[in-house]
N, C-alpha and C. Protein backbone atom coordinates (compact mmCIF):
# COMPACT_ATOMS: atom_id res chain seq x y z
N MET A 1 61.85 120.23 -31.62
CA MET A 1 62.00 118.93 -31.16
C MET A 1 60.40 118.50 -31.08
N GLU A 2 60.17 117.33 -31.34
CA GLU A 2 58.77 116.91 -31.26
C GLU A 2 58.46 116.64 -29.86
N LYS A 3 57.11 116.68 -29.47
CA LYS A 3 56.98 116.32 -27.96
C LYS A 3 56.77 114.81 -27.89
N ILE A 4 57.49 114.36 -26.79
CA ILE A 4 57.65 112.93 -26.54
C ILE A 4 56.75 112.61 -25.57
N LYS A 5 55.82 111.58 -25.64
CA LYS A 5 54.95 111.33 -24.28
C LYS A 5 55.57 110.66 -23.20
N ASN A 6 55.12 110.88 -22.07
CA ASN A 6 55.76 110.27 -20.94
C ASN A 6 54.87 109.20 -20.57
N GLU A 7 54.91 107.87 -21.28
CA GLU A 7 54.18 106.78 -20.88
C GLU A 7 55.09 105.61 -20.51
N PHE A 8 54.60 104.87 -19.73
CA PHE A 8 55.28 103.80 -19.13
C PHE A 8 54.76 102.44 -19.34
N VAL A 9 55.48 101.33 -19.57
CA VAL A 9 55.20 100.04 -19.58
C VAL A 9 55.87 99.26 -18.52
N ASP A 10 55.07 98.25 -17.90
CA ASP A 10 55.80 97.32 -17.01
C ASP A 10 56.62 96.29 -17.81
N ILE A 11 57.91 96.35 -17.56
CA ILE A 11 58.82 95.31 -18.06
C ILE A 11 59.82 94.90 -17.10
N LYS A 12 60.43 93.71 -17.29
CA LYS A 12 61.48 93.33 -16.69
C LYS A 12 62.88 93.51 -17.37
N ILE A 13 63.87 94.18 -16.81
CA ILE A 13 65.05 94.44 -17.60
C ILE A 13 66.16 94.16 -16.89
N ASN A 14 67.32 93.65 -17.57
CA ASN A 14 68.48 93.34 -17.04
C ASN A 14 68.98 94.42 -16.17
N LYS A 15 69.45 94.11 -14.96
CA LYS A 15 69.86 95.19 -13.87
C LYS A 15 71.07 96.08 -14.28
N GLU A 16 72.05 95.47 -15.13
CA GLU A 16 73.18 96.23 -15.42
C GLU A 16 72.60 97.36 -16.56
N ILE A 17 71.76 96.90 -17.45
CA ILE A 17 71.23 97.91 -18.47
C ILE A 17 70.59 99.06 -17.78
N TYR A 18 69.73 98.60 -16.64
CA TYR A 18 68.89 99.62 -16.05
C TYR A 18 69.83 100.56 -15.26
N GLU A 19 70.94 100.01 -14.65
CA GLU A 19 71.89 101.05 -13.99
C GLU A 19 72.62 101.99 -14.96
N ILE A 20 72.96 101.59 -16.23
CA ILE A 20 73.40 102.40 -17.17
C ILE A 20 72.37 103.34 -17.67
N LEU A 21 71.25 103.03 -17.83
CA LEU A 21 70.20 104.02 -18.28
C LEU A 21 70.02 105.02 -17.26
N LYS A 22 70.02 104.59 -16.12
CA LYS A 22 69.74 105.41 -14.95
C LYS A 22 70.83 106.52 -14.82
N LEU A 23 71.95 106.05 -15.03
CA LEU A 23 73.35 106.84 -14.76
C LEU A 23 73.24 107.90 -16.08
N TRP A 24 72.98 107.30 -17.36
CA TRP A 24 72.95 108.37 -18.48
C TRP A 24 71.92 109.48 -18.38
N ASN A 25 70.79 108.99 -17.84
CA ASN A 25 69.48 109.88 -17.54
C ASN A 25 70.02 111.08 -16.67
N LYS A 26 70.51 110.72 -15.60
CA LYS A 26 70.93 111.59 -14.47
C LYS A 26 72.00 112.53 -14.96
N GLU A 27 73.15 111.93 -15.48
CA GLU A 27 74.33 112.69 -15.66
C GLU A 27 74.07 113.58 -16.93
N ARG A 28 73.44 113.16 -17.89
CA ARG A 28 73.12 113.93 -19.08
C ARG A 28 72.38 115.05 -18.80
N LYS A 29 71.46 114.97 -17.97
CA LYS A 29 70.66 116.12 -17.51
C LYS A 29 71.47 117.10 -16.80
N GLU A 30 72.37 116.80 -15.97
CA GLU A 30 73.42 117.63 -15.10
C GLU A 30 74.35 118.13 -16.10
N ASP A 31 74.80 117.43 -17.23
CA ASP A 31 75.70 118.00 -18.17
C ASP A 31 75.00 119.08 -18.82
N ILE A 32 73.75 119.18 -19.29
CA ILE A 32 73.00 120.21 -20.12
C ILE A 32 72.92 121.36 -18.82
N LYS A 33 72.38 120.93 -17.80
CA LYS A 33 72.10 122.05 -16.72
C LYS A 33 73.35 122.84 -16.48
N ASN A 34 74.51 122.26 -16.45
CA ASN A 34 75.78 122.86 -16.06
C ASN A 34 76.54 123.31 -17.35
N HIS A 35 75.86 123.25 -18.54
CA HIS A 35 76.42 123.79 -19.69
C HIS A 35 77.60 123.01 -20.16
N LYS A 36 77.82 121.66 -19.87
CA LYS A 36 78.91 120.93 -20.47
C LYS A 36 78.67 120.44 -21.68
N ASN A 37 77.41 120.77 -22.49
CA ASN A 37 77.10 120.31 -23.69
C ASN A 37 77.45 121.18 -24.77
N SER A 38 78.08 122.34 -24.43
CA SER A 38 78.44 123.37 -25.37
C SER A 38 77.41 123.87 -25.97
N MET A 39 76.18 123.99 -25.49
CA MET A 39 74.93 124.37 -26.25
C MET A 39 74.49 123.58 -27.27
N THR A 40 74.98 122.40 -27.46
CA THR A 40 74.70 121.14 -28.45
C THR A 40 73.45 120.52 -27.97
N ARG A 41 72.43 120.23 -28.71
CA ARG A 41 71.37 119.55 -28.52
C ARG A 41 71.74 118.06 -28.75
N GLN A 42 71.11 117.17 -27.85
CA GLN A 42 71.46 115.80 -27.65
C GLN A 42 73.17 115.64 -27.90
N PRO A 43 73.86 115.99 -27.03
CA PRO A 43 75.37 115.98 -27.14
C PRO A 43 75.85 114.56 -27.16
N ILE A 44 76.83 114.41 -27.77
CA ILE A 44 77.79 113.17 -27.80
C ILE A 44 79.26 113.63 -27.48
N TYR A 45 79.83 113.23 -26.61
CA TYR A 45 81.24 113.46 -26.21
C TYR A 45 82.14 112.75 -26.76
N LYS A 46 83.23 113.45 -27.57
CA LYS A 46 84.25 112.91 -28.40
C LYS A 46 85.47 113.16 -27.66
N VAL A 47 86.31 112.26 -27.40
CA VAL A 47 87.84 112.56 -26.99
C VAL A 47 88.53 112.53 -28.22
N GLN A 48 89.33 113.62 -28.52
CA GLN A 48 90.08 113.74 -29.69
C GLN A 48 91.61 113.99 -29.33
N LYS A 49 92.38 113.24 -30.20
CA LYS A 49 93.86 113.48 -29.87
C LYS A 49 94.30 114.43 -31.07
N ASN A 50 95.37 115.24 -30.59
CA ASN A 50 95.98 116.02 -31.51
C ASN A 50 97.03 115.29 -32.35
N VAL A 51 96.86 115.33 -33.81
CA VAL A 51 97.77 114.65 -34.69
C VAL A 51 98.11 115.44 -35.74
N TRP A 52 99.29 115.12 -36.47
CA TRP A 52 99.70 115.92 -37.54
C TRP A 52 99.46 115.10 -38.84
N GLY A 53 98.65 115.64 -39.76
CA GLY A 53 98.36 115.00 -41.05
C GLY A 53 99.10 115.89 -42.18
N VAL A 54 99.13 115.25 -43.55
CA VAL A 54 99.88 115.76 -44.70
C VAL A 54 99.15 116.95 -45.07
N GLY A 55 99.95 118.10 -45.32
CA GLY A 55 99.46 119.37 -45.82
C GLY A 55 100.29 119.51 -47.03
N ASP A 56 100.01 120.74 -47.68
CA ASP A 56 100.70 121.00 -48.93
C ASP A 56 101.35 122.52 -48.66
N CYS A 57 102.02 122.90 -49.80
CA CYS A 57 102.65 124.28 -49.63
C CYS A 57 101.77 125.36 -49.41
N GLU A 58 100.52 125.30 -49.83
CA GLU A 58 99.71 126.27 -49.68
C GLU A 58 98.55 126.14 -48.47
N ASN A 59 98.44 124.97 -47.92
CA ASN A 59 97.72 124.59 -46.71
C ASN A 59 98.54 123.89 -45.60
N PHE A 60 99.18 124.58 -44.88
CA PHE A 60 99.91 123.79 -43.86
C PHE A 60 99.93 124.61 -42.51
N ASP A 61 100.16 123.94 -41.33
CA ASP A 61 100.36 124.61 -39.98
C ASP A 61 101.78 124.49 -39.61
N LYS A 62 102.59 123.62 -40.32
CA LYS A 62 104.00 123.49 -39.84
C LYS A 62 104.74 122.91 -41.01
N GLU A 63 105.99 123.46 -41.28
CA GLU A 63 106.84 122.93 -42.26
C GLU A 63 108.10 122.62 -41.65
N GLU A 64 108.80 121.53 -42.14
CA GLU A 64 109.83 120.89 -41.59
C GLU A 64 110.77 120.10 -42.80
N ILE A 65 111.94 119.97 -42.25
CA ILE A 65 112.73 119.15 -43.31
C ILE A 65 113.03 117.72 -42.51
N MET A 66 113.08 116.68 -43.39
CA MET A 66 113.30 115.36 -42.83
C MET A 66 114.84 115.17 -42.79
N VAL A 67 115.43 115.08 -41.73
CA VAL A 67 116.83 114.99 -41.60
C VAL A 67 117.36 113.41 -41.82
N ASP A 68 116.55 112.61 -41.07
CA ASP A 68 116.77 111.14 -41.10
C ASP A 68 115.51 110.60 -41.02
N CYS A 69 115.33 109.19 -41.11
CA CYS A 69 114.02 108.67 -41.14
C CYS A 69 113.00 108.93 -39.76
N GLU A 70 113.67 109.24 -38.79
CA GLU A 70 113.06 109.50 -37.57
C GLU A 70 112.86 111.06 -37.18
N THR A 71 113.71 111.99 -37.85
CA THR A 71 113.91 113.29 -37.41
C THR A 71 113.27 114.22 -38.31
N LEU A 72 112.29 115.19 -37.83
CA LEU A 72 111.75 116.21 -38.51
C LEU A 72 112.22 117.47 -37.91
N LEU A 73 112.65 118.45 -38.53
CA LEU A 73 112.92 119.80 -37.83
C LEU A 73 112.42 120.76 -38.51
N THR A 74 111.95 121.85 -37.64
CA THR A 74 111.49 123.11 -38.21
C THR A 74 112.56 124.10 -38.16
N LEU A 75 112.26 125.24 -38.99
CA LEU A 75 113.28 126.44 -38.87
C LEU A 75 113.79 126.69 -37.35
N GLU A 76 112.72 126.87 -36.57
CA GLU A 76 113.17 127.32 -35.23
C GLU A 76 114.12 126.25 -34.53
N GLN A 77 113.82 125.12 -34.82
CA GLN A 77 114.73 123.81 -33.97
C GLN A 77 115.99 124.00 -34.68
N ILE A 78 116.19 124.33 -35.81
CA ILE A 78 117.39 124.40 -36.59
C ILE A 78 118.22 125.53 -36.09
N LYS A 79 117.61 126.65 -35.88
CA LYS A 79 118.13 127.86 -35.36
C LYS A 79 118.60 127.72 -33.92
N ASP A 80 117.82 126.81 -33.18
CA ASP A 80 118.05 126.34 -31.81
C ASP A 80 119.21 125.33 -31.66
N GLY A 81 119.78 124.88 -32.92
CA GLY A 81 120.96 124.11 -32.77
C GLY A 81 120.70 122.77 -32.83
N ASP A 82 119.48 122.11 -32.99
CA ASP A 82 119.06 120.84 -33.28
C ASP A 82 119.64 120.17 -34.40
N LEU A 83 120.07 120.67 -35.36
CA LEU A 83 120.89 120.12 -36.51
C LEU A 83 122.31 120.03 -36.47
N ASP A 84 122.82 120.71 -35.44
CA ASP A 84 124.21 120.83 -35.14
C ASP A 84 124.94 119.36 -35.15
N ASP A 85 124.42 118.51 -34.19
CA ASP A 85 125.07 117.20 -34.28
C ASP A 85 125.18 116.35 -35.69
N TYR A 86 124.15 116.63 -36.41
CA TYR A 86 123.92 115.83 -37.60
C TYR A 86 124.99 116.54 -38.68
N ILE A 87 125.24 117.90 -38.60
CA ILE A 87 126.12 118.37 -39.40
C ILE A 87 127.59 118.24 -38.97
N ASP A 88 127.76 118.02 -37.70
CA ASP A 88 129.21 117.41 -37.15
C ASP A 88 129.44 116.20 -37.85
N TYR A 89 128.56 115.28 -37.87
CA TYR A 89 128.82 114.01 -38.29
C TYR A 89 129.04 113.86 -39.94
N HIS A 90 128.14 114.32 -40.73
CA HIS A 90 127.79 114.26 -42.18
C HIS A 90 128.68 115.26 -42.97
N CYS A 91 129.15 116.42 -42.44
CA CYS A 91 129.79 117.60 -43.35
C CYS A 91 131.36 117.16 -43.52
N PRO A 92 131.39 116.84 -45.00
CA PRO A 92 132.75 116.58 -45.25
C PRO A 92 134.00 117.67 -45.12
N ASP A 93 133.43 118.83 -44.87
CA ASP A 93 134.41 119.86 -44.65
C ASP A 93 134.48 120.25 -43.10
N LYS A 94 135.19 119.41 -42.53
CA LYS A 94 135.43 119.42 -41.04
C LYS A 94 135.92 120.79 -40.36
N ASP A 95 136.78 121.37 -41.48
CA ASP A 95 137.61 122.58 -41.02
C ASP A 95 136.71 123.76 -40.71
N ASN A 96 135.54 123.76 -41.61
CA ASN A 96 134.52 125.00 -41.56
C ASN A 96 133.12 124.57 -40.79
N LEU A 97 133.09 123.76 -39.86
CA LEU A 97 132.07 123.21 -39.25
C LEU A 97 131.34 124.41 -38.61
N GLU A 98 131.93 125.21 -37.72
CA GLU A 98 131.28 126.03 -36.97
C GLU A 98 130.67 127.35 -38.05
N THR A 99 131.30 127.55 -39.10
CA THR A 99 130.99 128.52 -40.01
C THR A 99 129.77 128.02 -40.60
N ILE A 100 129.72 126.93 -41.09
CA ILE A 100 128.48 126.33 -41.88
C ILE A 100 127.28 126.33 -40.90
N LYS A 101 127.52 125.83 -39.69
CA LYS A 101 126.55 125.89 -38.67
C LYS A 101 125.93 127.30 -38.37
N ASN A 102 126.74 128.15 -38.13
CA ASN A 102 126.14 129.59 -38.01
C ASN A 102 125.59 130.18 -39.31
N TYR A 103 126.07 129.67 -40.47
CA TYR A 103 125.43 130.43 -41.76
C TYR A 103 124.15 129.64 -41.71
N ILE A 104 123.80 128.35 -41.44
CA ILE A 104 122.58 127.69 -41.45
C ILE A 104 121.60 128.33 -40.67
N LYS A 105 122.02 128.66 -39.32
CA LYS A 105 121.11 129.33 -38.32
C LYS A 105 120.82 130.61 -38.59
N LYS A 106 121.42 131.30 -39.54
CA LYS A 106 120.92 132.74 -40.13
C LYS A 106 119.90 132.74 -41.12
N ARG A 107 119.60 131.50 -41.83
CA ARG A 107 118.71 131.55 -42.93
C ARG A 107 117.40 131.96 -42.38
N GLY A 108 116.63 132.40 -43.52
CA GLY A 108 115.26 132.90 -43.14
C GLY A 108 114.15 131.92 -43.55
N SER A 109 114.61 130.70 -44.18
CA SER A 109 113.65 129.86 -44.62
C SER A 109 114.14 128.30 -44.72
N LEU A 110 113.31 127.44 -44.61
CA LEU A 110 113.95 126.06 -44.78
C LEU A 110 114.47 125.83 -46.21
N GLU A 111 113.88 126.67 -47.09
CA GLU A 111 114.48 126.61 -48.69
C GLU A 111 116.02 126.86 -48.57
N GLU A 112 116.37 127.92 -47.88
CA GLU A 112 117.61 128.57 -47.81
C GLU A 112 118.59 127.44 -46.93
N VAL A 113 117.90 126.93 -46.10
CA VAL A 113 118.84 125.85 -45.15
C VAL A 113 119.18 124.77 -45.94
N LEU A 114 118.14 124.20 -47.03
CA LEU A 114 118.39 123.06 -47.79
C LEU A 114 119.50 123.51 -48.95
N GLU A 115 119.36 124.68 -49.36
CA GLU A 115 120.41 125.11 -50.26
C GLU A 115 121.71 125.02 -49.70
N VAL A 116 121.95 125.57 -48.42
CA VAL A 116 123.19 125.38 -47.87
C VAL A 116 123.67 124.19 -47.58
N LEU A 117 122.93 123.09 -47.06
CA LEU A 117 123.10 121.80 -46.93
C LEU A 117 123.65 121.15 -48.16
N GLN A 118 122.82 121.47 -49.21
CA GLN A 118 123.43 120.92 -50.59
C GLN A 118 124.71 121.36 -51.14
N ASP A 119 124.88 122.80 -50.95
CA ASP A 119 126.00 123.39 -51.39
C ASP A 119 127.31 122.72 -50.55
N ASN A 120 126.99 122.34 -49.31
CA ASN A 120 128.18 121.78 -48.59
C ASN A 120 128.16 120.47 -48.42
N GLU A 121 127.52 119.73 -49.38
CA GLU A 121 127.44 118.33 -49.58
C GLU A 121 126.94 117.46 -48.24
N ILE A 122 126.07 118.07 -47.57
CA ILE A 122 125.54 117.51 -46.30
C ILE A 122 124.18 117.03 -46.83
N ASN A 123 124.21 115.61 -46.91
CA ASN A 123 122.95 114.98 -47.46
C ASN A 123 122.01 114.57 -46.23
N ILE A 124 120.73 114.85 -46.39
CA ILE A 124 119.71 114.63 -45.42
C ILE A 124 118.76 113.60 -46.16
N TYR A 125 117.99 112.96 -45.34
CA TYR A 125 116.95 111.92 -45.65
C TYR A 125 116.10 112.31 -46.91
N GLN A 126 115.48 113.49 -46.73
CA GLN A 126 114.51 113.99 -47.76
C GLN A 126 114.93 115.34 -48.12
N ASP A 127 115.29 115.69 -49.26
CA ASP A 127 115.65 116.69 -49.69
C ASP A 127 114.69 117.82 -50.19
N GLU A 128 113.43 117.85 -49.53
CA GLU A 128 112.53 118.75 -49.73
C GLU A 128 111.76 119.04 -48.44
N ILE A 129 111.02 120.01 -48.40
CA ILE A 129 110.24 120.41 -47.20
C ILE A 129 109.01 119.56 -47.04
N VAL A 130 108.73 119.19 -45.68
CA VAL A 130 107.42 118.24 -45.41
C VAL A 130 106.25 119.35 -44.82
N TYR A 131 105.30 119.42 -45.46
CA TYR A 131 104.25 120.24 -44.86
C TYR A 131 103.19 119.34 -44.06
N SER A 132 102.84 120.01 -42.84
CA SER A 132 102.09 119.10 -41.97
C SER A 132 100.77 120.06 -41.68
N LYS A 133 99.67 119.46 -41.39
CA LYS A 133 98.55 120.12 -41.06
C LYS A 133 97.93 119.56 -39.71
N GLU A 134 97.62 120.44 -38.69
CA GLU A 134 97.24 120.05 -37.56
C GLU A 134 95.76 119.54 -37.66
N GLU A 135 95.60 118.36 -36.96
CA GLU A 135 94.23 117.75 -36.96
C GLU A 135 93.83 117.17 -35.72
N TRP A 136 92.46 116.93 -35.47
CA TRP A 136 92.13 116.11 -34.29
C TRP A 136 91.39 114.82 -34.67
N GLU A 137 91.94 113.88 -34.14
CA GLU A 137 91.51 112.48 -34.50
C GLU A 137 90.55 111.98 -33.25
N ASP A 138 89.47 111.39 -33.89
CA ASP A 138 88.41 110.89 -32.87
C ASP A 138 89.11 109.68 -32.14
N LYS A 139 89.03 109.49 -30.83
CA LYS A 139 89.64 108.34 -30.18
C LYS A 139 88.47 107.52 -29.48
N ALA A 140 87.62 108.10 -28.92
CA ALA A 140 86.48 107.61 -28.25
C ALA A 140 85.34 108.31 -28.06
N TYR A 141 84.19 107.74 -27.98
CA TYR A 141 82.86 108.39 -27.69
C TYR A 141 82.12 108.14 -26.44
N PHE A 142 81.45 109.19 -25.93
CA PHE A 142 80.70 108.92 -24.63
C PHE A 142 79.42 109.63 -24.87
N LEU A 143 78.47 109.18 -23.86
CA LEU A 143 77.20 109.98 -23.77
C LEU A 143 77.23 110.75 -22.42
N THR A 144 78.23 110.89 -21.84
CA THR A 144 78.39 111.67 -20.66
C THR A 144 79.65 112.44 -20.46
N HIS A 145 79.72 113.69 -20.22
CA HIS A 145 81.02 114.47 -20.10
C HIS A 145 82.00 113.79 -19.08
N GLN A 146 81.62 113.34 -17.92
CA GLN A 146 82.41 112.83 -16.93
C GLN A 146 83.17 111.57 -17.44
N GLU A 147 82.60 110.61 -18.26
CA GLU A 147 83.10 109.51 -18.78
C GLU A 147 84.25 110.00 -19.78
N ALA A 148 83.91 111.06 -20.32
CA ALA A 148 84.97 111.44 -21.52
C ALA A 148 86.08 111.85 -20.57
N LYS A 149 85.94 112.71 -19.59
CA LYS A 149 86.97 113.34 -18.80
C LYS A 149 87.79 112.00 -18.13
N ASP A 150 87.21 110.97 -17.73
CA ASP A 150 87.66 109.95 -17.00
C ASP A 150 88.72 109.19 -18.07
N TYR A 151 88.14 108.96 -19.30
CA TYR A 151 89.02 108.20 -20.45
C TYR A 151 90.10 109.15 -20.55
N MET A 152 90.00 110.48 -20.68
CA MET A 152 91.30 111.19 -20.99
C MET A 152 92.46 111.02 -19.65
N GLN A 153 91.89 110.80 -18.45
CA GLN A 153 92.94 110.68 -17.35
C GLN A 153 93.55 109.16 -17.48
N TYR A 154 92.65 108.19 -17.67
CA TYR A 154 93.33 106.70 -17.63
C TYR A 154 93.87 106.30 -19.04
N GLN A 155 93.71 107.25 -20.01
CA GLN A 155 94.36 106.85 -21.29
C GLN A 155 95.42 108.06 -21.56
N LYS A 156 95.81 108.88 -20.79
CA LYS A 156 96.66 109.94 -21.05
C LYS A 156 98.09 109.42 -21.62
N HIS A 157 98.55 108.31 -21.18
CA HIS A 157 99.84 107.81 -21.70
C HIS A 157 99.75 107.54 -23.09
N ASN A 158 98.46 107.35 -23.66
CA ASN A 158 98.31 106.96 -25.15
C ASN A 158 97.83 108.39 -25.99
N LEU A 159 97.35 109.28 -25.31
CA LEU A 159 96.60 110.34 -25.93
C LEU A 159 97.53 111.42 -26.33
N GLY A 160 98.25 111.89 -25.38
CA GLY A 160 99.15 112.98 -25.39
C GLY A 160 98.11 114.25 -25.33
N GLN A 161 98.32 115.18 -26.17
CA GLN A 161 97.63 116.47 -26.25
C GLN A 161 96.12 115.96 -26.66
N CYS A 162 95.14 116.35 -25.91
CA CYS A 162 93.56 115.88 -26.33
C CYS A 162 92.58 116.75 -25.63
N ILE A 163 91.37 116.58 -26.38
CA ILE A 163 90.45 117.60 -25.81
C ILE A 163 89.16 116.67 -25.99
N ILE A 164 88.00 117.30 -25.15
CA ILE A 164 86.79 116.82 -25.37
C ILE A 164 85.83 117.64 -26.47
N TYR A 165 85.48 117.07 -27.33
CA TYR A 165 84.62 117.77 -28.55
C TYR A 165 83.18 117.49 -28.29
N VAL A 166 82.36 118.29 -28.41
CA VAL A 166 80.99 117.98 -28.16
C VAL A 166 80.40 118.06 -29.66
N ASP A 167 79.77 116.83 -29.99
CA ASP A 167 79.19 116.66 -31.28
C ASP A 167 77.61 116.40 -30.99
N ALA A 168 76.98 116.18 -32.09
CA ALA A 168 75.57 115.82 -31.91
C ALA A 168 75.18 114.78 -33.02
N PRO A 169 74.01 114.14 -33.04
CA PRO A 169 73.61 113.12 -33.78
C PRO A 169 73.56 113.46 -35.36
N GLY A 170 73.43 114.88 -35.70
CA GLY A 170 73.43 115.39 -36.94
C GLY A 170 72.13 116.16 -37.38
N TYR A 171 72.16 117.08 -38.32
CA TYR A 171 71.14 118.04 -38.41
C TYR A 171 69.95 117.18 -38.98
N ASP A 172 68.66 117.58 -38.43
CA ASP A 172 67.60 116.88 -38.73
C ASP A 172 67.43 115.49 -38.74
N ASN A 173 68.11 114.80 -37.77
CA ASN A 173 68.35 113.36 -37.54
C ASN A 173 66.93 112.79 -37.10
N ARG A 174 66.14 112.10 -37.88
CA ARG A 174 64.96 111.43 -37.62
C ARG A 174 65.03 110.04 -37.01
N GLY A 175 66.17 109.73 -36.78
CA GLY A 175 66.27 108.26 -36.48
C GLY A 175 66.19 108.01 -35.09
N THR A 176 66.20 106.61 -34.53
CA THR A 176 65.88 106.51 -33.06
C THR A 176 66.99 106.72 -32.19
N PHE A 177 68.22 106.83 -32.72
CA PHE A 177 69.28 107.33 -31.89
C PHE A 177 69.07 108.83 -31.32
N ASP A 178 68.63 109.74 -32.14
CA ASP A 178 68.43 110.97 -31.77
C ASP A 178 67.21 111.08 -30.81
N THR A 179 66.24 110.11 -31.28
CA THR A 179 65.02 110.06 -30.27
C THR A 179 65.50 109.53 -28.87
N PHE A 180 66.25 108.57 -28.84
CA PHE A 180 66.57 107.98 -27.51
C PHE A 180 67.46 108.98 -26.67
N LEU A 181 68.22 109.88 -27.44
CA LEU A 181 68.94 110.92 -26.66
C LEU A 181 68.11 111.96 -26.18
N GLN A 182 67.03 112.35 -26.86
CA GLN A 182 66.01 113.29 -26.49
C GLN A 182 65.10 112.69 -25.28
N LEU A 183 64.98 111.38 -25.22
CA LEU A 183 64.39 110.88 -23.85
C LEU A 183 65.39 110.97 -22.87
N LEU A 184 66.66 110.54 -22.90
CA LEU A 184 67.53 110.39 -21.96
C LEU A 184 67.83 112.08 -21.26
N ASP A 185 67.79 112.97 -22.12
CA ASP A 185 68.05 114.25 -21.99
C ASP A 185 67.05 115.17 -21.14
N HIS A 186 65.81 114.76 -21.56
CA HIS A 186 64.62 115.62 -21.18
C HIS A 186 63.52 115.10 -20.61
N LYS A 187 63.49 113.76 -20.37
CA LYS A 187 62.45 112.89 -19.62
C LYS A 187 62.81 112.15 -18.50
N ASP A 188 61.96 112.07 -17.44
CA ASP A 188 62.05 111.02 -16.55
C ASP A 188 61.70 109.67 -17.07
N ILE A 189 62.87 108.85 -17.25
CA ILE A 189 62.55 107.61 -18.09
C ILE A 189 61.97 106.49 -17.17
N PHE A 190 62.16 106.84 -15.87
CA PHE A 190 61.45 105.71 -15.04
C PHE A 190 60.43 106.30 -14.06
N GLU A 191 59.44 105.44 -14.08
CA GLU A 191 58.31 105.85 -13.57
C GLU A 191 58.42 105.69 -11.85
N VAL A 192 58.20 106.83 -11.25
CA VAL A 192 58.39 106.71 -9.82
C VAL A 192 57.08 106.46 -9.18
N LYS A 193 57.03 105.20 -8.29
CA LYS A 193 55.76 104.87 -7.64
C LYS A 193 55.56 105.35 -6.31
N TYR A 194 54.70 105.93 -5.86
CA TYR A 194 54.53 106.48 -4.36
C TYR A 194 53.73 105.55 -3.66
N ASP A 195 54.20 105.25 -2.49
CA ASP A 195 53.23 104.47 -1.59
C ASP A 195 51.98 105.51 -0.99
N ALA A 196 50.84 104.99 -1.29
CA ALA A 196 49.66 105.79 -0.83
C ALA A 196 49.34 105.60 0.46
N ARG A 197 49.99 105.26 1.44
CA ARG A 197 49.62 105.04 2.81
C ARG A 197 49.31 106.29 3.52
């Protein structure tokens, strides 16, 4: 990190901007002192929401079948009986419902479950496995850890499972944003005048 001189100029500044700069300067230094920056130089705090994106048969965290346009079920959910009501309603062989449901619950893979459904003429919305990958989607950015925590609290009804991820402006960033964060994190940005009485 290059050495930044601590020189001051006399200016008039909007009071609201002054208060924000003062808050950032104080809280970011405390974040670093208390290790809330996760050892990241010039931290940027991102609140990320847990989402499921599209995967494929070789790169996935979860596999499901799409029963109807709103219902996706894993093998574990099927074994727990979450497909039973659908089978009750859609199975043409009403005399063997319990046998079919028990047989489906004993299958070792979703491929086998799909085969049993097809063999018994129980049609589902999508006759193939849906592969999903767990991802973290950026929802909001902050310059202090506390503001990120506050956001997670007041937006919890929209966020669901979420985390604070600490990021940085980027490797060897020589732009003014990185310089600005260096100033906030390592300098007293306001000159303190002492009364010499």
